[in-house]
Amino acid sequence: MTFKKKIKSHYQNLLSEKINELRFMISDLAQDAQNDAKGSAGDKHETALSMMHLEQEKLNQKLAEIIAQKNVVDKIDADAIHTKVALGSLVHTNEMLFYVSTALPKIQLENKMIIAVSPQSPLGSQLLGKSVGDVIAINTNRFQIKTIQ
């Protein structure tokens, strides 16, 4: 398995785990709300139910965001060879490794730190379309592209 495929697989697993956790939490909240509805009445009960529904809505929104992120990662062709930075590129710079996909947590694989960046982020938008040898500047940092996979 290539390094780029390992990165994609790692992020797919990470996102799948988050999706499962959120689905469990949403299910748990729904179960609690259903149980509370059976045996209580009054203002405090209504407030508690409203709070549970608000929490459930927040979790559903987060779930939708993570599913959208997973869909982006799933669509990336890890076998694609890029001469210019595009979605799915693994960009080696003089300082860091960037995986152009969606905004995700940093990971460490094979003693290398990988930063997943969204093409819509300031860094991602500067990387898009760049070639080996190009330099981009973010704040006070300057990154020279060494290789693109």
N, C-alpha and C. Protein backbone atom coordinates (compact mmCIF):
# COMPACT_ATOMS: atom_id res chain seq x y z
N MET A 1 0.84 -1.18 0.00
CA MET A 1 0.00 0.00 0.00
C MET A 1 0.89 1.25 0.00
N THR A 2 0.59 2.18 -0.90
CA THR A 2 1.40 3.40 -0.97
C THR A 2 1.13 4.28 0.26
N PHE A 3 2.05 5.19 0.50
CA PHE A 3 1.92 6.09 1.65
C PHE A 3 0.64 6.92 1.53
N LYS A 4 0.34 7.38 0.32
CA LYS A 4 -0.87 8.18 0.11
C LYS A 4 -2.12 7.36 0.39
N LYS A 5 -2.12 6.09 0.02
CA LYS A 5 -3.27 5.21 0.30
C LYS A 5 -3.41 4.99 1.81
N LYS A 6 -2.28 4.89 2.50
CA LYS A 6 -2.32 4.72 3.96
C LYS A 6 -2.94 5.96 4.62
N ILE A 7 -2.58 7.13 4.12
CA ILE A 7 -3.14 8.37 4.66
C ILE A 7 -4.65 8.39 4.44
N LYS A 8 -5.07 8.10 3.21
CA LYS A 8 -6.50 8.10 2.90
C LYS A 8 -7.23 7.10 3.78
N SER A 9 -6.70 5.91 3.91
CA SER A 9 -7.32 4.86 4.72
C SER A 9 -7.41 5.29 6.19
N HIS A 10 -6.35 5.91 6.69
CA HIS A 10 -6.35 6.37 8.08
C HIS A 10 -7.47 7.39 8.30
N TYR A 11 -7.59 8.35 7.40
CA TYR A 11 -8.64 9.36 7.54
C TYR A 11 -10.03 8.75 7.36
N GLN A 12 -10.19 7.79 6.46
CA GLN A 12 -11.48 7.12 6.31
C GLN A 12 -11.87 6.42 7.60
N ASN A 13 -10.93 5.72 8.21
CA ASN A 13 -11.20 5.03 9.48
C ASN A 13 -11.53 6.02 10.59
N LEU A 14 -10.77 7.10 10.67
CA LEU A 14 -11.01 8.12 11.68
C LEU A 14 -12.42 8.70 11.54
N LEU A 15 -12.80 9.03 10.32
CA LEU A 15 -14.13 9.60 10.08
C LEU A 15 -15.23 8.58 10.33
N SER A 16 -15.01 7.32 9.95
CA SER A 16 -16.01 6.27 10.22
C SER A 16 -16.24 6.10 11.72
N GLU A 17 -15.16 6.14 12.49
CA GLU A 17 -15.29 6.04 13.95
C GLU A 17 -16.10 7.20 14.51
N LYS A 18 -15.83 8.41 14.03
CA LYS A 18 -16.58 9.58 14.50
C LYS A 18 -18.06 9.47 14.13
N ILE A 19 -18.33 8.99 12.92
CA ILE A 19 -19.71 8.81 12.48
C ILE A 19 -20.42 7.82 13.39
N ASN A 20 -19.78 6.70 13.68
CA ASN A 20 -20.38 5.70 14.56
C ASN A 20 -20.62 6.25 15.96
N GLU A 21 -19.65 6.99 16.50
CA GLU A 21 -19.81 7.60 17.83
C GLU A 21 -21.00 8.55 17.86
N LEU A 22 -21.09 9.41 16.85
CA LEU A 22 -22.19 10.37 16.81
C LEU A 22 -23.54 9.67 16.66
N ARG A 23 -23.60 8.65 15.82
CA ARG A 23 -24.86 7.91 15.67
C ARG A 23 -25.28 7.26 16.98
N PHE A 24 -24.32 6.74 17.72
CA PHE A 24 -24.61 6.14 19.03
C PHE A 24 -25.13 7.21 19.99
N MET A 25 -24.48 8.37 20.02
CA MET A 25 -24.90 9.45 20.91
C MET A 25 -26.30 9.94 20.56
N ILE A 26 -26.59 10.06 19.27
CA ILE A 26 -27.91 10.51 18.82
C ILE A 26 -28.97 9.49 19.22
N SER A 27 -28.67 8.23 19.01
CA SER A 27 -29.59 7.15 19.38
C SER A 27 -29.84 7.14 20.88
N ASP A 28 -28.77 7.32 21.64
CA ASP A 28 -28.86 7.35 23.10
C ASP A 28 -29.74 8.51 23.57
N LEU A 29 -29.55 9.67 22.97
CA LEU A 29 -30.38 10.83 23.33
C LEU A 29 -31.84 10.60 22.99
N ALA A 30 -32.09 10.02 21.82
CA ALA A 30 -33.47 9.74 21.41
C ALA A 30 -34.13 8.77 22.40
N GLN A 31 -33.37 7.77 22.81
CA GLN A 31 -33.87 6.79 23.78
C GLN A 31 -34.19 7.48 25.11
N ASP A 32 -33.29 8.34 25.58
CA ASP A 32 -33.51 9.08 26.83
C ASP A 32 -34.75 9.97 26.74
N ALA A 33 -34.90 10.66 25.62
CA ALA A 33 -36.06 11.54 25.44
C ALA A 33 -37.34 10.73 25.44
N GLN A 34 -37.30 9.58 24.80
CA GLN A 34 -38.49 8.72 24.75
C GLN A 34 -38.84 8.22 26.15
N ASN A 35 -37.84 7.82 26.91
CA ASN A 35 -38.08 7.34 28.28
C ASN A 35 -38.59 8.46 29.18
N ASP A 36 -38.04 9.68 29.02
CA ASP A 36 -38.49 10.81 29.83
C ASP A 36 -39.92 11.19 29.49
N ALA A 37 -40.29 11.07 28.23
CA ALA A 37 -41.64 11.44 27.81
C ALA A 37 -42.70 10.55 28.43
N LYS A 38 -42.34 9.33 28.75
CA LYS A 38 -43.31 8.38 29.29
C LYS A 38 -43.73 8.69 30.72
N GLY A 39 -42.79 9.20 31.54
CA GLY A 39 -43.11 9.26 32.95
C GLY A 39 -43.07 10.63 33.59
N SER A 40 -43.02 11.72 32.82
CA SER A 40 -42.89 13.03 33.45
C SER A 40 -43.82 14.04 32.82
N ALA A 41 -44.06 15.10 33.58
CA ALA A 41 -44.87 16.21 33.08
C ALA A 41 -44.42 17.48 33.78
N GLY A 42 -44.80 18.63 33.26
CA GLY A 42 -44.48 19.88 33.91
C GLY A 42 -43.42 20.67 33.17
N ASP A 43 -43.18 21.89 33.67
CA ASP A 43 -42.25 22.82 33.02
C ASP A 43 -40.81 22.30 32.99
N LYS A 44 -40.36 21.73 34.11
CA LYS A 44 -38.99 21.21 34.16
C LYS A 44 -38.80 20.10 33.14
N HIS A 45 -39.81 19.26 33.03
CA HIS A 45 -39.75 18.16 32.07
C HIS A 45 -39.68 18.70 30.64
N GLU A 46 -40.52 19.70 30.34
CA GLU A 46 -40.53 20.29 29.00
C GLU A 46 -39.19 20.94 28.68
N THR A 47 -38.60 21.60 29.66
CA THR A 47 -37.29 22.23 29.47
C THR A 47 -36.22 21.17 29.20
N ALA A 48 -36.26 20.10 29.97
CA ALA A 48 -35.28 19.02 29.78
C ALA A 48 -35.42 18.40 28.39
N LEU A 49 -36.67 18.17 27.96
CA LEU A 49 -36.90 17.61 26.62
C LEU A 49 -36.40 18.57 25.54
N SER A 50 -36.66 19.86 25.71
CA SER A 50 -36.19 20.85 24.73
C SER A 50 -34.66 20.85 24.66
N MET A 51 -34.02 20.76 25.81
CA MET A 51 -32.55 20.73 25.84
C MET A 51 -32.04 19.48 25.12
N MET A 52 -32.69 18.35 25.34
CA MET A 52 -32.28 17.10 24.66
C MET A 52 -32.44 17.23 23.16
N HIS A 53 -33.55 17.85 22.73
CA HIS A 53 -33.78 18.01 21.29
C HIS A 53 -32.74 18.96 20.67
N LEU A 54 -32.39 20.01 21.40
CA LEU A 54 -31.35 20.93 20.90
C LEU A 54 -30.02 20.20 20.76
N GLU A 55 -29.69 19.41 21.76
CA GLU A 55 -28.44 18.65 21.72
C GLU A 55 -28.46 17.65 20.55
N GLN A 56 -29.61 17.03 20.36
CA GLN A 56 -29.75 16.07 19.26
C GLN A 56 -29.58 16.78 17.90
N GLU A 57 -30.12 17.98 17.77
CA GLU A 57 -29.96 18.75 16.53
C GLU A 57 -28.49 19.10 16.29
N LYS A 58 -27.79 19.50 17.35
CA LYS A 58 -26.36 19.81 17.21
C LYS A 58 -25.58 18.57 16.77
N LEU A 59 -25.90 17.44 17.37
CA LEU A 59 -25.21 16.20 17.00
C LEU A 59 -25.53 15.80 15.56
N ASN A 60 -26.78 15.98 15.15
CA ASN A 60 -27.16 15.66 13.76
C ASN A 60 -26.44 16.57 12.77
N GLN A 61 -26.27 17.83 13.14
CA GLN A 61 -25.54 18.77 12.27
C GLN A 61 -24.08 18.34 12.16
N LYS A 62 -23.48 18.00 13.29
CA LYS A 62 -22.08 17.54 13.30
C LYS A 62 -21.94 16.26 12.47
N LEU A 63 -22.90 15.35 12.63
CA LEU A 63 -22.89 14.11 11.85
C LEU A 63 -22.92 14.40 10.35
N ALA A 64 -23.78 15.32 9.94
CA ALA A 64 -23.87 15.68 8.52
C ALA A 64 -22.54 16.24 8.01
N GLU A 65 -21.88 17.07 8.83
CA GLU A 65 -20.58 17.63 8.44
C GLU A 65 -19.53 16.53 8.27
N ILE A 66 -19.51 15.59 9.19
CA ILE A 66 -18.50 14.53 9.14
C ILE A 66 -18.78 13.58 7.97
N ILE A 67 -20.05 13.31 7.71
CA ILE A 67 -20.40 12.47 6.55
C ILE A 67 -19.95 13.17 5.27
N ALA A 68 -20.14 14.48 5.19
CA ALA A 68 -19.69 15.24 4.01
C ALA A 68 -18.17 15.16 3.87
N GLN A 69 -17.45 15.27 4.99
CA GLN A 69 -15.99 15.14 4.94
C GLN A 69 -15.58 13.76 4.46
N LYS A 70 -16.26 12.73 4.97
CA LYS A 70 -15.93 11.36 4.57
C LYS A 70 -16.20 11.17 3.08
N ASN A 71 -17.28 11.76 2.58
CA ASN A 71 -17.59 11.66 1.15
C ASN A 71 -16.47 12.26 0.31
N VAL A 72 -15.91 13.38 0.77
CA VAL A 72 -14.79 14.01 0.04
C VAL A 72 -13.60 13.06 0.02
N VAL A 73 -13.24 12.52 1.19
CA VAL A 73 -12.09 11.62 1.28
C VAL A 73 -12.34 10.36 0.45
N ASP A 74 -13.56 9.81 0.52
CA ASP A 74 -13.88 8.60 -0.24
C ASP A 74 -13.71 8.80 -1.75
N LYS A 75 -14.01 10.00 -2.24
CA LYS A 75 -13.95 10.26 -3.69
C LYS A 75 -12.52 10.48 -4.20
N ILE A 76 -11.57 10.67 -3.30
CA ILE A 76 -10.19 10.91 -3.72
C ILE A 76 -9.59 9.64 -4.32
N ASP A 77 -8.99 9.79 -5.49
CA ASP A 77 -8.29 8.68 -6.14
C ASP A 77 -6.85 8.69 -5.66
N ALA A 78 -6.55 7.78 -4.74
CA ALA A 78 -5.20 7.73 -4.14
C ALA A 78 -4.14 7.26 -5.13
N ASP A 79 -4.56 6.74 -6.28
CA ASP A 79 -3.61 6.30 -7.30
C ASP A 79 -3.29 7.40 -8.31
N ALA A 80 -4.04 8.50 -8.25
CA ALA A 80 -3.84 9.59 -9.22
C ALA A 80 -2.45 10.20 -9.05
N ILE A 81 -1.85 10.52 -10.17
CA ILE A 81 -0.54 11.17 -10.18
C ILE A 81 -0.77 12.63 -10.55
N HIS A 82 -0.32 13.52 -9.68
CA HIS A 82 -0.54 14.95 -9.88
C HIS A 82 0.77 15.65 -10.23
N THR A 83 0.72 16.50 -11.27
CA THR A 83 1.88 17.35 -11.58
C THR A 83 1.66 18.74 -10.98
N LYS A 84 0.40 19.07 -10.72
CA LYS A 84 0.04 20.30 -10.03
C LYS A 84 -0.84 19.92 -8.84
N VAL A 85 -0.78 20.72 -7.79
CA VAL A 85 -1.55 20.42 -6.59
C VAL A 85 -3.05 20.49 -6.90
N ALA A 86 -3.76 19.43 -6.51
CA ALA A 86 -5.20 19.32 -6.70
C ALA A 86 -5.79 18.54 -5.52
N LEU A 87 -7.10 18.41 -5.50
CA LEU A 87 -7.75 17.59 -4.48
C LEU A 87 -7.15 16.19 -4.52
N GLY A 88 -6.71 15.70 -3.38
CA GLY A 88 -6.11 14.38 -3.30
C GLY A 88 -4.59 14.37 -3.37
N SER A 89 -4.00 15.53 -3.61
CA SER A 89 -2.53 15.60 -3.68
C SER A 89 -1.90 15.46 -2.29
N LEU A 90 -0.77 14.79 -2.27
CA LEU A 90 0.08 14.76 -1.08
C LEU A 90 1.26 15.66 -1.43
N VAL A 91 1.37 16.78 -0.73
CA VAL A 91 2.35 17.81 -1.07
C VAL A 91 3.47 17.81 -0.02
N HIS A 92 4.68 17.49 -0.48
CA HIS A 92 5.86 17.53 0.39
C HIS A 92 6.48 18.91 0.22
N THR A 93 6.61 19.64 1.33
CA THR A 93 7.27 20.95 1.27
C THR A 93 8.57 20.87 2.06
N ASN A 94 9.29 21.98 2.09
CA ASN A 94 10.53 22.03 2.85
C ASN A 94 10.29 21.83 4.35
N GLU A 95 9.05 22.01 4.82
CA GLU A 95 8.79 21.90 6.25
C GLU A 95 7.74 20.87 6.63
N MET A 96 6.75 20.66 5.78
CA MET A 96 5.62 19.82 6.18
C MET A 96 5.09 18.99 5.03
N LEU A 97 4.19 18.07 5.41
CA LEU A 97 3.45 17.27 4.44
C LEU A 97 1.99 17.69 4.50
N PHE A 98 1.43 18.06 3.37
CA PHE A 98 0.02 18.46 3.32
C PHE A 98 -0.76 17.48 2.45
N TYR A 99 -1.92 17.08 2.95
CA TYR A 99 -2.83 16.21 2.20
C TYR A 99 -4.04 17.07 1.85
N VAL A 100 -4.20 17.39 0.58
CA VAL A 100 -5.28 18.26 0.14
C VAL A 100 -6.55 17.42 0.04
N SER A 101 -7.44 17.62 1.01
CA SER A 101 -8.66 16.82 1.07
C SER A 101 -9.79 17.62 1.69
N THR A 102 -9.83 17.65 2.99
CA THR A 102 -10.80 18.41 3.77
C THR A 102 -10.13 18.69 5.11
N ALA A 103 -10.61 19.66 5.83
CA ALA A 103 -9.98 20.03 7.10
C ALA A 103 -10.18 18.91 8.12
N LEU A 104 -9.08 18.25 8.46
CA LEU A 104 -9.11 17.13 9.40
C LEU A 104 -7.95 17.27 10.38
N PRO A 105 -7.99 16.51 11.48
CA PRO A 105 -6.88 16.59 12.44
C PRO A 105 -5.55 16.14 11.85
N LYS A 106 -4.47 16.67 12.41
CA LYS A 106 -3.13 16.21 12.03
C LYS A 106 -3.00 14.75 12.43
N ILE A 107 -2.26 14.00 11.62
CA ILE A 107 -1.98 12.61 11.98
C ILE A 107 -0.48 12.36 11.82
N GLN A 108 -0.03 11.30 12.45
CA GLN A 108 1.36 10.89 12.29
C GLN A 108 1.37 9.46 11.77
N LEU A 109 2.02 9.27 10.63
CA LEU A 109 2.18 7.95 10.02
C LEU A 109 3.64 7.78 9.62
N GLU A 110 4.18 6.63 9.92
CA GLU A 110 5.57 6.33 9.55
C GLU A 110 6.52 7.47 9.95
N ASN A 111 6.33 7.96 11.16
CA ASN A 111 7.15 9.04 11.72
C ASN A 111 7.09 10.34 10.93
N LYS A 112 6.00 10.55 10.21
CA LYS A 112 5.81 11.79 9.46
C LYS A 112 4.49 12.42 9.89
N MET A 113 4.52 13.73 10.10
CA MET A 113 3.32 14.47 10.46
C MET A 113 2.62 14.92 9.18
N ILE A 114 1.34 14.58 9.07
CA ILE A 114 0.55 14.95 7.89
C ILE A 114 -0.54 15.90 8.33
N ILE A 115 -0.67 16.99 7.59
CA ILE A 115 -1.71 17.97 7.87
C ILE A 115 -2.69 17.94 6.70
N ALA A 116 -3.95 17.60 7.00
CA ALA A 116 -4.99 17.59 5.98
C ALA A 116 -5.55 19.00 5.86
N VAL A 117 -5.55 19.53 4.64
CA VAL A 117 -6.07 20.88 4.41
C VAL A 117 -7.19 20.84 3.39
N SER A 118 -8.16 21.69 3.61
CA SER A 118 -9.26 21.84 2.66
C SER A 118 -8.81 22.76 1.53
N PRO A 119 -9.23 22.47 0.30
CA PRO A 119 -8.89 23.37 -0.81
C PRO A 119 -9.48 24.77 -0.60
N GLN A 120 -10.52 24.89 0.24
CA GLN A 120 -11.14 26.18 0.49
C GLN A 120 -10.42 26.99 1.58
N SER A 121 -9.53 26.35 2.33
CA SER A 121 -8.81 27.06 3.39
C SER A 121 -7.79 28.01 2.76
N PRO A 122 -7.32 29.00 3.52
CA PRO A 122 -6.29 29.91 2.97
C PRO A 122 -5.06 29.15 2.45
N LEU A 123 -4.58 28.19 3.22
CA LEU A 123 -3.41 27.41 2.79
C LEU A 123 -3.76 26.54 1.58
N GLY A 124 -4.89 25.85 1.65
CA GLY A 124 -5.30 24.97 0.56
C GLY A 124 -5.50 25.72 -0.75
N SER A 125 -6.13 26.89 -0.66
CA SER A 125 -6.37 27.66 -1.89
C SER A 125 -5.07 28.18 -2.49
N GLN A 126 -4.07 28.46 -1.64
CA GLN A 126 -2.76 28.87 -2.17
C GLN A 126 -2.02 27.70 -2.79
N LEU A 127 -2.22 26.50 -2.25
CA LEU A 127 -1.53 25.32 -2.79
C LEU A 127 -2.09 24.90 -4.15
N LEU A 128 -3.41 25.02 -4.33
CA LEU A 128 -4.04 24.53 -5.56
C LEU A 128 -3.38 25.10 -6.81
N GLY A 129 -3.09 24.21 -7.74
CA GLY A 129 -2.52 24.61 -9.02
C GLY A 129 -1.02 24.84 -9.02
N LYS A 130 -0.40 24.77 -7.85
CA LYS A 130 1.04 24.99 -7.76
C LYS A 130 1.80 23.75 -8.23
N SER A 131 3.06 23.96 -8.60
CA SER A 131 3.93 22.90 -9.10
C SER A 131 5.16 22.77 -8.22
N VAL A 132 5.93 21.71 -8.47
CA VAL A 132 7.19 21.51 -7.74
C VAL A 132 8.08 22.74 -7.94
N GLY A 133 8.66 23.21 -6.85
CA GLY A 133 9.54 24.38 -6.89
C GLY A 133 8.84 25.67 -6.51
N ASP A 134 7.50 25.71 -6.64
CA ASP A 134 6.76 26.91 -6.27
C ASP A 134 6.84 27.14 -4.76
N VAL A 135 6.72 28.41 -4.38
CA VAL A 135 6.76 28.79 -2.97
C VAL A 135 5.45 29.50 -2.63
N ILE A 136 4.88 29.13 -1.48
CA ILE A 136 3.71 29.83 -0.98
C ILE A 136 4.04 30.39 0.40
N ALA A 137 3.37 31.48 0.75
CA ALA A 137 3.61 32.11 2.05
C ALA A 137 2.29 32.24 2.80
N ILE A 138 2.29 31.76 4.02
CA ILE A 138 1.15 31.91 4.92
C ILE A 138 1.68 32.56 6.19
N ASN A 139 1.14 33.73 6.51
CA ASN A 139 1.64 34.52 7.64
C ASN A 139 3.15 34.71 7.47
N THR A 140 3.93 34.21 8.40
CA THR A 140 5.39 34.37 8.29
C THR A 140 6.06 33.10 7.77
N ASN A 141 5.27 32.07 7.49
CA ASN A 141 5.83 30.79 7.01
C ASN A 141 5.89 30.77 5.49
N ARG A 142 7.01 30.27 5.00
CA ARG A 142 7.18 30.09 3.55
C ARG A 142 7.41 28.60 3.29
N PHE A 143 6.63 28.05 2.39
CA PHE A 143 6.73 26.63 2.07
C PHE A 143 7.10 26.48 0.60
N GLN A 144 8.19 25.75 0.35
CA GLN A 144 8.57 25.44 -1.02
C GLN A 144 8.15 24.01 -1.31
N ILE A 145 7.46 23.82 -2.42
CA ILE A 145 6.98 22.49 -2.79
C ILE A 145 8.14 21.68 -3.35
N LYS A 146 8.41 20.55 -2.69
CA LYS A 146 9.50 19.65 -3.10
C LYS A 146 8.99 18.56 -4.04
N THR A 147 7.88 17.91 -3.66
CA THR A 147 7.28 16.88 -4.51
C THR A 147 5.76 16.93 -4.35
N ILE A 148 5.09 16.40 -5.37
CA ILE A 148 3.63 16.28 -5.34
C ILE A 148 3.30 14.85 -5.73
N GLN A 149 2.50 14.20 -4.93
CA GLN A 149 2.05 12.83 -5.26
C GLN A 149 0.56 12.83 -5.51
